[in-house]
Structures are given as C-alpha cells and as structure tokens.
C-alpha cells in the first residue's frame, strides 16, 4: 500500500488529468484521503493498461469507482 510520499512520487498527473481531479474534488466535496485513494486506483488502472503515466481515462474510471462506492454505501 502506497503512503502519501509514494503517491506523490508515483502518481503524477498530466495537466488535463490534474484539472479533472481538481474539478472532482470540488464538485464531489472529496477529502484528501479520497484524493489519495483515487490516485492509487488510477495508478492501478494505468498499470493494467501498461501505461507509464496516469491518463485522463484512467483517472475518470477511478473517480467513477469512487462515485459508485459513495452511492452504494450512502443511506
């Protein structure tokens, strides 16, 4: 499991993905912990796609998983 320093080192985002993350954080009211979880999931998706960098598509998929998780557990 990656810790915050490792996340910053291994989960760098291109500017378009960074903007997507910023918008998601603001629109969904996500915490710093959720931010890190999304980045870790995005890194995993990028790894499965054999991509060196997290792309917008990888990050979008990770954000969608977070959205599903929130809607599923919300009472």
PDB file of N, CA and C in Angstrom:
ATOM      1  N   UNK A   1       0.844  -1.178   0.000  1.00  0.00           N
ATOM      2  CA  UNK A   1       0.000   0.000   0.000  1.00  0.00           C
ATOM      3  C   UNK A   1       0.887   1.238   0.000  1.00  0.00           C
ATOM      4  N   UNK A   2       0.611   2.142  -0.916  1.00  0.00           N
ATOM      5  CA  UNK A   2       1.416   3.356  -1.018  1.00  0.00           C
ATOM      6  C   UNK A   2       1.012   4.368   0.047  1.00  0.00           C
ATOM      7  N   UNK A   3       2.000   4.970   0.631  1.00  0.00           N
ATOM      8  CA  UNK A   3       1.798   6.056   1.588  1.00  0.00           C
ATOM      9  C   UNK A   3       1.857   7.386   0.821  1.00  0.00           C
ATOM     10  N   UNK A   4       1.408   8.491   1.436  1.00  0.00           N
ATOM     11  CA  UNK A   4       1.373   9.779   0.724  1.00  0.00           C
ATOM     12  C   UNK A   4       2.666  10.173   0.000  1.00  0.00           C
ATOM     13  N   UNK A   5       3.862  10.008   0.597  1.00  0.00           N
ATOM     14  CA  UNK A   5       5.068  10.369  -0.163  1.00  0.00           C
ATOM     15  C   UNK A   5       5.246   9.517  -1.434  1.00  0.00           C
ATOM     16  N   UNK A   6       4.888   8.244  -1.338  1.00  0.00           N
ATOM     17  CA  UNK A   6       4.988   7.364  -2.508  1.00  0.00           C
ATOM     18  C   UNK A   6       3.940   7.739  -3.551  1.00  0.00           C
ATOM     19  N   UNK A   7       2.762   8.125  -3.094  1.00  0.00           N
ATOM     20  CA  UNK A   7       1.706   8.540  -4.024  1.00  0.00           C
ATOM     21  C   UNK A   7       2.173   9.750  -4.817  1.00  0.00           C
ATOM     22  N   UNK A   8       2.751  10.738  -4.119  1.00  0.00           N
ATOM     23  CA  UNK A   8       3.239  11.939  -4.818  1.00  0.00           C
ATOM     24  C   UNK A   8       4.327  11.589  -5.829  1.00  0.00           C
ATOM     25  N   UNK A   9       5.141  10.596  -5.520  1.00  0.00           N
ATOM     26  CA  UNK A   9       6.236  10.218  -6.405  1.00  0.00           C
ATOM     27  C   UNK A   9       5.757   9.410  -7.611  1.00  0.00           C
ATOM     28  N   UNK A  10       4.836   8.476  -7.407  1.00  0.00           N
ATOM     29  CA  UNK A  10       4.456   7.529  -8.450  1.00  0.00           C
ATOM     30  C   UNK A  10       3.148   7.854  -9.168  1.00  0.00           C
ATOM     31  N   UNK A  11       2.414   8.822  -8.684  1.00  0.00           N
ATOM     32  CA  UNK A  11       1.092   9.112  -9.251  1.00  0.00           C
ATOM     33  C   UNK A  11       1.002  10.539  -9.774  1.00  0.00           C
ATOM     34  N   UNK A  12       2.004  10.966 -10.483  1.00  0.00           N
ATOM     35  CA  UNK A  12       1.983  12.313 -11.063  1.00  0.00           C
ATOM     36  C   UNK A  12       1.002  12.343 -12.222  1.00  0.00           C
ATOM     37  N   UNK A  13       0.307  13.469 -12.324  1.00  0.00           N
ATOM     38  CA  UNK A  13      -0.735  13.598 -13.339  1.00  0.00           C
ATOM     39  C   UNK A  13      -0.356  14.629 -14.386  1.00  0.00           C
ATOM     40  N   UNK A  14      -0.710  14.366 -15.657  1.00  0.00           N
ATOM     41  CA  UNK A  14      -0.571  15.420 -16.663  1.00  0.00           C
ATOM     42  C   UNK A  14      -1.571  16.530 -16.346  1.00  0.00           C
ATOM     43  N   UNK A  15      -1.392  17.698 -16.927  1.00  0.00           N
ATOM     44  CA  UNK A  15      -2.204  18.860 -16.563  1.00  0.00           C
ATOM     45  C   UNK A  15      -3.701  18.637 -16.767  1.00  0.00           C
ATOM     46  N   UNK A  16      -4.095  17.940 -17.839  1.00  0.00           N
ATOM     47  CA  UNK A  16      -5.528  17.713 -18.061  1.00  0.00           C
ATOM     48  C   UNK A  16      -6.122  16.788 -16.999  1.00  0.00           C
ATOM     49  N   UNK A  17      -5.370  15.797 -16.572  1.00  0.00           N
ATOM     50  CA  UNK A  17      -5.835  14.899 -15.513  1.00  0.00           C
ATOM     51  C   UNK A  17      -5.843  15.625 -14.167  1.00  0.00           C
ATOM     52  N   UNK A  18      -4.871  16.497 -13.954  1.00  0.00           N
ATOM     53  CA  UNK A  18      -4.830  17.294 -12.722  1.00  0.00           C
ATOM     54  C   UNK A  18      -6.070  18.187 -12.624  1.00  0.00           C
ATOM     55  N   UNK A  19      -6.464  18.774 -13.741  1.00  0.00           N
ATOM     56  CA  UNK A  19      -7.662  19.617 -13.756  1.00  0.00           C
ATOM     57  C   UNK A  19      -8.913  18.786 -13.474  1.00  0.00           C
ATOM     58  N   UNK A  20      -8.981  17.589 -14.050  1.00  0.00           N
ATOM     59  CA  UNK A  20     -10.105  16.690 -13.790  1.00  0.00           C
ATOM     60  C   UNK A  20     -10.183  16.352 -12.300  1.00  0.00           C
ATOM     61  N   UNK A  21      -9.047  16.059 -11.700  1.00  0.00           N
ATOM     62  CA  UNK A  21      -9.019  15.733 -10.274  1.00  0.00           C
ATOM     63  C   UNK A  21      -9.467  16.930  -9.442  1.00  0.00           C
ATOM     64  N   UNK A  22      -8.988  18.103  -9.782  1.00  0.00           N
ATOM     65  CA  UNK A  22      -9.375  19.317  -9.053  1.00  0.00           C
ATOM     66  C   UNK A  22     -10.884  19.530  -9.135  1.00  0.00           C
ATOM     67  N   UNK A  23     -11.445  19.387 -10.325  1.00  0.00           N
ATOM     68  CA  UNK A  23     -12.890  19.554 -10.508  1.00  0.00           C
ATOM     69  C   UNK A  23     -13.672  18.514  -9.709  1.00  0.00           C
ATOM     70  N   UNK A  24     -13.216  17.281  -9.728  1.00  0.00           N
ATOM     71  CA  UNK A  24     -13.893  16.215  -8.984  1.00  0.00           C
ATOM     72  C   UNK A  24     -13.843  16.490  -7.486  1.00  0.00           C
ATOM     73  N   UNK A  25     -12.695  16.945  -7.001  1.00  0.00           N
ATOM     74  CA  UNK A  25     -12.558  17.255  -5.576  1.00  0.00           C
ATOM     75  C   UNK A  25     -13.555  18.333  -5.163  1.00  0.00           C
ATOM     76  N   UNK A  26     -13.664  19.376  -5.979  1.00  0.00           N
ATOM     77  CA  UNK A  26     -14.566  20.482  -5.660  1.00  0.00           C
ATOM     78  C   UNK A  26     -16.023  20.066  -5.803  1.00  0.00           C
ATOM     79  N   UNK A  27     -16.361  19.422  -6.911  1.00  0.00           N
ATOM     80  CA  UNK A  27     -17.757  19.064  -7.192  1.00  0.00           C
ATOM     81  C   UNK A  27     -18.297  18.011  -6.231  1.00  0.00           C
ATOM     82  N   UNK A  28     -17.458  17.066  -5.859  1.00  0.00           N
ATOM     83  CA  UNK A  28     -17.907  15.959  -5.019  1.00  0.00           C
ATOM     84  C   UNK A  28     -17.590  16.171  -3.541  1.00  0.00           C
ATOM     85  N   UNK A  29     -16.862  17.238  -3.227  1.00  0.00           N
ATOM     86  CA  UNK A  29     -16.504  17.502  -1.840  1.00  0.00           C
ATOM     87  C   UNK A  29     -15.640  16.412  -1.237  1.00  0.00           C
ATOM     88  N   UNK A  30     -14.644  15.970  -1.988  1.00  0.00           N
ATOM     89  CA  UNK A  30     -13.803  14.857  -1.545  1.00  0.00           C
ATOM     90  C   UNK A  30     -12.721  15.317  -0.575  1.00  0.00           C
ATOM     91  N   UNK A  31     -12.340  14.439   0.303  1.00  0.00           N
ATOM     92  CA  UNK A  31     -11.285  14.702   1.284  1.00  0.00           C
ATOM     93  C   UNK A  31      -9.913  14.392   0.681  1.00  0.00           C
ATOM     94  N   UNK A  32      -8.880  14.769   1.418  1.00  0.00           N
ATOM     95  CA  UNK A  32      -7.514  14.445   0.994  1.00  0.00           C
ATOM     96  C   UNK A  32      -7.314  12.932   0.951  1.00  0.00           C
ATOM     97  N   UNK A  33      -7.934  12.232   1.870  1.00  0.00           N
ATOM     98  CA  UNK A  33      -7.839  10.767   1.885  1.00  0.00           C
ATOM     99  C   UNK A  33      -8.472  10.184   0.622  1.00  0.00           C
ATOM    100  N   UNK A  34      -9.633  10.710   0.225  1.00  0.00           N
ATOM    101  CA  UNK A  34     -10.293  10.247  -1.001  1.00  0.00           C
ATOM    102  C   UNK A  34      -9.432  10.565  -2.216  1.00  0.00           C
ATOM    103  N   UNK A  35      -8.790  11.727  -2.206  1.00  0.00           N
ATOM    104  CA  UNK A  35      -7.880  12.120  -3.290  1.00  0.00           C
ATOM    105  C   UNK A  35      -6.794  11.066  -3.463  1.00  0.00           C
ATOM    106  N   UNK A  36      -6.174  10.678  -2.355  1.00  0.00           N
ATOM    107  CA  UNK A  36      -5.101   9.684  -2.414  1.00  0.00           C
ATOM    108  C   UNK A  36      -5.615   8.325  -2.875  1.00  0.00           C
ATOM    109  N   UNK A  37      -6.802   7.946  -2.417  1.00  0.00           N
ATOM    110  CA  UNK A  37      -7.374   6.666  -2.842  1.00  0.00           C
ATOM    111  C   UNK A  37      -7.641   6.661  -4.343  1.00  0.00           C
ATOM    112  N   UNK A  38      -8.173   7.752  -4.855  1.00  0.00           N
ATOM    113  CA  UNK A  38      -8.440   7.850  -6.295  1.00  0.00           C
ATOM    114  C   UNK A  38      -7.138   7.760  -7.079  1.00  0.00           C
ATOM    115  N   UNK A  39      -6.099   8.432  -6.602  1.00  0.00           N
ATOM    116  CA  UNK A  39      -4.807   8.354  -7.293  1.00  0.00           C
ATOM    117  C   UNK A  39      -4.251   6.934  -7.285  1.00  0.00           C
ATOM    118  N   UNK A  40      -4.369   6.244  -6.154  1.00  0.00           N
ATOM    119  CA  UNK A  40      -3.882   4.854  -6.092  1.00  0.00           C
ATOM    120  C   UNK A  40      -4.648   3.964  -7.064  1.00  0.00           C
ATOM    121  N   UNK A  41      -5.956   4.131  -7.118  1.00  0.00           N
ATOM    122  CA  UNK A  41      -6.764   3.334  -8.048  1.00  0.00           C
ATOM    123  C   UNK A  41      -6.418   3.706  -9.482  1.00  0.00           C
ATOM    124  N   UNK A  42      -6.247   4.995  -9.747  1.00  0.00           N
ATOM    125  CA  UNK A  42      -5.848   5.436 -11.085  1.00  0.00           C
ATOM    126  C   UNK A  42      -4.508   4.841 -11.502  1.00  0.00           C
ATOM    127  N   UNK A  43      -3.573   4.760 -10.548  1.00  0.00           N
ATOM    128  CA  UNK A  43      -2.258   4.163 -10.834  1.00  0.00           C
ATOM    129  C   UNK A  43      -2.408   2.684 -11.167  1.00  0.00           C
ATOM    130  N   UNK A  44      -3.272   1.992 -10.446  1.00  0.00           N
ATOM    131  CA  UNK A  44      -3.512   0.574 -10.720  1.00  0.00           C
ATOM    132  C   UNK A  44      -4.120   0.389 -12.103  1.00  0.00           C
ATOM    133  N   UNK A  45      -5.092   1.215 -12.448  1.00  0.00           N
ATOM    134  CA  UNK A  45      -5.725   1.134 -13.768  1.00  0.00           C
ATOM    135  C   UNK A  45      -4.697   1.416 -14.857  1.00  0.00           C
ATOM    136  N   UNK A  46      -3.849   2.414 -14.652  1.00  0.00           N
ATOM    137  CA  UNK A  46      -2.797   2.724 -15.624  1.00  0.00           C
ATOM    138  C   UNK A  46      -1.825   1.549 -15.755  1.00  0.00           C
ATOM    139  N   UNK A  47      -1.476   0.924 -14.645  1.00  0.00           N
ATOM    140  CA  UNK A  47      -0.590  -0.243 -14.686  1.00  0.00           C
ATOM    141  C   UNK A  47      -1.215  -1.380 -15.490  1.00  0.00           C
ATOM    142  N   UNK A  48      -2.501  -1.624 -15.266  1.00  0.00           N
ATOM    143  CA  UNK A  48      -3.188  -2.688 -16.009  1.00  0.00           C
ATOM    144  C   UNK A  48      -3.257  -2.381 -17.503  1.00  0.00           C
ATOM    145  N   UNK A  49      -3.276  -1.091 -17.835  1.00  0.00           N
ATOM    146  CA  UNK A  49      -3.292  -0.675 -19.242  1.00  0.00           C
ATOM    147  C   UNK A  49      -1.877  -0.552 -19.801  1.00  0.00           C
ATOM    148  N   UNK A  50      -0.880  -0.915 -19.003  1.00  0.00           N
ATOM    149  CA  UNK A  50       0.530  -0.839 -19.391  1.00  0.00           C
ATOM    150  C   UNK A  50       0.927   0.589 -19.774  1.00  0.00           C
ATOM    151  N   UNK A  51       0.451   1.542 -18.982  1.00  0.00           N
ATOM    152  CA  UNK A  51       0.735   2.953 -19.213  1.00  0.00           C
ATOM    153  C   UNK A  51       1.675   3.464 -18.128  1.00  0.00           C
ATOM    154  N   UNK A  52       2.703   4.180 -18.531  1.00  0.00           N
ATOM    155  CA  UNK A  52       3.652   4.715 -17.562  1.00  0.00           C
ATOM    156  C   UNK A  52       3.049   5.843 -16.744  1.00  0.00           C
ATOM    157  N   UNK A  53       2.111   6.569 -17.337  1.00  0.00           N
ATOM    158  CA  UNK A  53       1.522   7.719 -16.668  1.00  0.00           C
ATOM    159  C   UNK A  53       0.013   7.536 -16.537  1.00  0.00           C
ATOM    160  N   UNK A  54      -0.543   8.073 -15.472  1.00  0.00           N
ATOM    161  CA  UNK A  54      -1.994   8.055 -15.294  1.00  0.00           C
ATOM    162  C   UNK A  54      -2.594   9.045 -16.290  1.00  0.00           C
ATOM    163  N   UNK A  55      -3.465   8.550 -17.140  1.00  0.00           N
ATOM    164  CA  UNK A  55      -4.117   9.395 -18.140  1.00  0.00           C
ATOM    165  C   UNK A  55      -5.514   9.779 -17.654  1.00  0.00           C
ATOM    166  N   UNK A  56      -6.140  10.716 -18.364  1.00  0.00           N
ATOM    167  CA  UNK A  56      -7.484  11.171 -18.010  1.00  0.00           C
ATOM    168  C   UNK A  56      -8.455   9.995 -17.948  1.00  0.00           C
ATOM    169  N   UNK A  57      -8.371   9.079 -18.889  1.00  0.00           N
ATOM    170  CA  UNK A  57      -9.281   7.925 -18.906  1.00  0.00           C
ATOM    171  C   UNK A  57      -9.108   7.065 -17.656  1.00  0.00           C
ATOM    172  N   UNK A  58      -7.875   6.877 -17.215  1.00  0.00           N
ATOM    173  CA  UNK A  58      -7.609   6.084 -16.010  1.00  0.00           C
ATOM    174  C   UNK A  58      -8.181   6.787 -14.778  1.00  0.00           C
ATOM    175  N   UNK A  59      -7.955   8.092 -14.711  1.00  0.00           N
ATOM    176  CA  UNK A  59      -8.443   8.860 -13.574  1.00  0.00           C
ATOM    177  C   UNK A  59      -9.966   8.921 -13.570  1.00  0.00           C
ATOM    178  N   UNK A  60     -10.564   9.077 -14.729  1.00  0.00           N
ATOM    179  CA  UNK A  60     -12.030   9.100 -14.831  1.00  0.00           C
ATOM    180  C   UNK A  60     -12.629   7.795 -14.325  1.00  0.00           C
ATOM    181  N   UNK A  61     -12.017   6.697 -14.702  1.00  0.00           N
ATOM    182  CA  UNK A  61     -12.504   5.394 -14.241  1.00  0.00           C
ATOM    183  C   UNK A  61     -12.385   5.287 -12.721  1.00  0.00           C
ATOM    184  N   UNK A  62     -11.275   5.743 -12.175  1.00  0.00           N
ATOM    185  CA  UNK A  62     -11.081   5.703 -10.723  1.00  0.00           C
ATOM    186  C   UNK A  62     -12.108   6.579 -10.007  1.00  0.00           C
ATOM    187  N   UNK A  63     -12.386   7.743 -10.555  1.00  0.00           N
ATOM    188  CA  UNK A  63     -13.391   8.637  -9.965  1.00  0.00           C
ATOM    189  C   UNK A  63     -14.764   7.987 -10.032  1.00  0.00           C
ATOM    190  N   UNK A  64     -15.062   7.321 -11.134  1.00  0.00           N
ATOM    191  CA  UNK A  64     -16.353   6.635 -11.254  1.00  0.00           C
ATOM    192  C   UNK A  64     -16.497   5.539 -10.207  1.00  0.00           C
ATOM    193  N   UNK A  65     -15.430   4.807  -9.934  1.00  0.00           N
ATOM    194  CA  UNK A  65     -15.486   3.786  -8.885  1.00  0.00           C
ATOM    195  C   UNK A  65     -15.773   4.437  -7.534  1.00  0.00           C
ATOM    196  N   UNK A  66     -15.180   5.576  -7.293  1.00  0.00           N
ATOM    197  CA  UNK A  66     -15.421   6.301  -6.038  1.00  0.00           C
ATOM    198  C   UNK A  66     -16.885   6.744  -5.959  1.00  0.00           C
ATOM    199  N   UNK A  67     -17.430   7.211  -7.069  1.00  0.00           N
ATOM    200  CA  UNK A  67     -18.825   7.638  -7.115  1.00  0.00           C
ATOM    201  C   UNK A  67     -19.746   6.459  -6.832  1.00  0.00           C
ATOM    202  N   UNK A  68     -19.449   5.318  -7.441  1.00  0.00           N
ATOM    203  CA  UNK A  68     -20.253   4.121  -7.188  1.00  0.00           C
ATOM    204  C   UNK A  68     -20.184   3.710  -5.727  1.00  0.00           C
ATOM    205  N   UNK A  69     -18.989   3.783  -5.160  1.00  0.00           N
ATOM    206  CA  UNK A  69     -18.793   3.419  -3.762  1.00  0.00           C
ATOM    207  C   UNK A  69     -19.615   4.323  -2.849  1.00  0.00           C
ATOM    208  N   UNK A  70     -19.593   5.612  -3.116  1.00  0.00           N
ATOM    209  CA  UNK A  70     -20.344   6.561  -2.285  1.00  0.00           C
ATOM    210  C   UNK A  70     -21.841   6.339  -2.413  1.00  0.00           C
ATOM    211  N   UNK A  71     -22.331   6.109  -3.624  1.00  0.00           N
ATOM    212  CA  UNK A  71     -23.772   5.934  -3.807  1.00  0.00           C
ATOM    213  C   UNK A  71     -24.245   4.597  -3.233  1.00  0.00           C
ATOM    214  N   UNK A  72     -23.401   3.586  -3.269  1.00  0.00           N
ATOM    215  CA  UNK A  72     -23.772   2.273  -2.743  1.00  0.00           C
ATOM    216  C   UNK A  72     -23.901   2.300  -1.222  1.00  0.00           C
ATOM    217  N   UNK A  73     -22.951   2.940  -0.551  1.00  0.00           N
ATOM    218  CA  UNK A  73     -22.914   2.914   0.910  1.00  0.00           C
ATOM    219  C   UNK A  73     -23.710   4.033   1.556  1.00  0.00           C
ATOM    220  N   UNK A  74     -24.186   4.978   0.759  1.00  0.00           N
ATOM    221  CA  UNK A  74     -24.968   6.081   1.312  1.00  0.00           C
ATOM    222  C   UNK A  74     -26.340   5.580   1.743  1.00  0.00           C
ATOM    223  N   UNK A  75     -26.747   5.964   2.928  1.00  0.00           N
ATOM    224  CA  UNK A  75     -28.039   5.503   3.455  1.00  0.00           C
ATOM    225  C   UNK A  75     -29.059   6.607   3.361  1.00  0.00           C
TER     226      UNK A  75
END
